[in-house]
Amino acid sequence: MLSVDESKRQAAERSMAYVQDGMRVGLGTGSTAKHVLELLGNASRRV
């Protein structure tokens, strides 16, 4: 069974499938946003 934080990380990873180059991404202030920001940062370094 996944921890709450691991579940949030998975949700963030799945949401990245919808992000395309040039998009504006709206983030909330919840704890899942932290994971999305990390993933977006890593994705931008690969470009």
N, C-alpha and C. Protein backbone atom coordinates (compact mmCIF):
# COMPACT_ATOMS: atom_id res chain seq x y z
N MET A 1 0.84 -1.18 0.00
CA MET A 1 0.00 0.00 0.00
C MET A 1 0.89 1.24 0.00
N LEU A 2 0.51 2.23 -0.80
CA LEU A 2 1.28 3.45 -0.91
C LEU A 2 0.98 4.41 0.23
N SER A 3 2.00 5.18 0.60
CA SER A 3 1.75 6.25 1.57
C SER A 3 1.00 7.37 0.88
N VAL A 4 0.49 8.28 1.66
CA VAL A 4 -0.24 9.42 1.09
C VAL A 4 0.69 10.21 0.18
N ASP A 5 1.92 10.46 0.61
CA ASP A 5 2.86 11.23 -0.20
C ASP A 5 3.20 10.51 -1.51
N GLU A 6 3.36 9.20 -1.46
CA GLU A 6 3.63 8.43 -2.68
C GLU A 6 2.45 8.49 -3.64
N SER A 7 1.24 8.46 -3.09
CA SER A 7 0.04 8.57 -3.93
C SER A 7 -0.03 9.93 -4.60
N LYS A 8 0.34 10.96 -3.87
CA LYS A 8 0.34 12.31 -4.44
C LYS A 8 1.40 12.43 -5.52
N ARG A 9 2.54 11.80 -5.32
CA ARG A 9 3.61 11.81 -6.33
C ARG A 9 3.11 11.12 -7.61
N GLN A 10 2.43 10.01 -7.46
CA GLN A 10 1.88 9.31 -8.63
C GLN A 10 0.85 10.17 -9.36
N ALA A 11 0.01 10.87 -8.60
CA ALA A 11 -0.98 11.75 -9.22
C ALA A 11 -0.28 12.86 -10.00
N ALA A 12 0.77 13.39 -9.44
CA ALA A 12 1.54 14.44 -10.13
C ALA A 12 2.18 13.89 -11.40
N GLU A 13 2.73 12.68 -11.33
CA GLU A 13 3.34 12.07 -12.52
C GLU A 13 2.30 11.85 -13.61
N ARG A 14 1.13 11.41 -13.23
CA ARG A 14 0.07 11.18 -14.22
C ARG A 14 -0.39 12.49 -14.84
N SER A 15 -0.44 13.54 -14.04
CA SER A 15 -0.88 14.83 -14.59
C SER A 15 0.10 15.37 -15.62
N MET A 16 1.36 14.98 -15.51
CA MET A 16 2.37 15.46 -16.46
C MET A 16 2.12 14.96 -17.87
N ALA A 17 1.34 13.91 -18.02
CA ALA A 17 1.01 13.39 -19.35
C ALA A 17 0.18 14.39 -20.15
N TYR A 18 -0.47 15.31 -19.46
CA TYR A 18 -1.32 16.31 -20.11
C TYR A 18 -0.59 17.62 -20.42
N VAL A 19 0.61 17.77 -19.89
CA VAL A 19 1.35 19.02 -20.06
C VAL A 19 2.11 18.98 -21.37
N GLN A 20 1.92 20.04 -22.15
CA GLN A 20 2.62 20.15 -23.43
C GLN A 20 3.47 21.42 -23.43
N ASP A 21 4.49 21.43 -24.28
CA ASP A 21 5.37 22.57 -24.40
C ASP A 21 4.57 23.83 -24.71
N GLY A 22 4.85 24.90 -24.01
CA GLY A 22 4.19 26.17 -24.24
C GLY A 22 2.90 26.38 -23.46
N MET A 23 2.45 25.37 -22.75
CA MET A 23 1.21 25.49 -21.98
C MET A 23 1.43 26.33 -20.72
N ARG A 24 0.39 26.98 -20.31
CA ARG A 24 0.35 27.59 -18.99
C ARG A 24 -0.27 26.56 -18.06
N VAL A 25 0.35 26.36 -16.94
CA VAL A 25 -0.12 25.35 -16.01
C VAL A 25 -0.54 26.04 -14.72
N GLY A 26 -1.78 25.84 -14.34
CA GLY A 26 -2.27 26.40 -13.09
C GLY A 26 -2.07 25.39 -11.97
N LEU A 27 -1.48 25.84 -10.90
CA LEU A 27 -1.24 24.98 -9.75
C LEU A 27 -2.00 25.51 -8.55
N GLY A 28 -2.45 24.60 -7.75
CA GLY A 28 -3.05 24.99 -6.48
C GLY A 28 -1.95 25.21 -5.45
N THR A 29 -2.35 25.24 -4.23
CA THR A 29 -1.38 25.43 -3.15
C THR A 29 -1.22 24.18 -2.30
N GLY A 30 -1.80 23.09 -2.76
CA GLY A 30 -1.74 21.85 -2.00
C GLY A 30 -0.39 21.17 -2.08
N SER A 31 -0.25 20.13 -1.31
CA SER A 31 1.03 19.43 -1.22
C SER A 31 1.37 18.68 -2.51
N THR A 32 0.39 18.35 -3.33
CA THR A 32 0.67 17.68 -4.60
C THR A 32 1.38 18.64 -5.57
N ALA A 33 1.13 19.93 -5.42
CA ALA A 33 1.77 20.92 -6.28
C ALA A 33 3.29 20.86 -6.15
N LYS A 34 3.79 20.54 -4.99
CA LYS A 34 5.25 20.40 -4.78
C LYS A 34 5.82 19.36 -5.74
N HIS A 35 5.14 18.26 -5.86
CA HIS A 35 5.62 17.19 -6.75
C HIS A 35 5.54 17.62 -8.21
N VAL A 36 4.46 18.30 -8.57
CA VAL A 36 4.31 18.77 -9.95
C VAL A 36 5.43 19.74 -10.28
N LEU A 37 5.75 20.65 -9.37
CA LEU A 37 6.82 21.60 -9.62
C LEU A 37 8.17 20.91 -9.81
N GLU A 38 8.44 19.89 -9.01
CA GLU A 38 9.68 19.13 -9.16
C GLU A 38 9.73 18.46 -10.53
N LEU A 39 8.63 17.86 -10.94
CA LEU A 39 8.58 17.17 -12.23
C LEU A 39 8.69 18.16 -13.39
N LEU A 40 8.04 19.31 -13.27
CA LEU A 40 8.15 20.33 -14.32
C LEU A 40 9.58 20.83 -14.42
N GLY A 41 10.22 21.04 -13.29
CA GLY A 41 11.61 21.48 -13.29
C GLY A 41 12.52 20.47 -13.95
N ASN A 42 12.33 19.20 -13.64
CA ASN A 42 13.14 18.16 -14.26
C ASN A 42 12.87 18.07 -15.75
N ALA A 43 11.62 18.23 -16.16
CA ALA A 43 11.27 18.16 -17.57
C ALA A 43 11.90 19.32 -18.34
N SER A 44 11.94 20.50 -17.75
CA SER A 44 12.49 21.66 -18.45
C SER A 44 14.00 21.54 -18.60
N ARG A 45 14.66 20.82 -17.73
CA ARG A 45 16.10 20.61 -17.85
C ARG A 45 16.45 19.66 -19.00
N ARG A 46 15.50 18.81 -19.37
CA ARG A 46 15.74 17.84 -20.45
C ARG A 46 15.56 18.45 -21.84
N VAL A 47 14.94 19.62 -21.89
CA VAL A 47 14.65 20.24 -23.18
C VAL A 47 15.87 20.91 -23.73
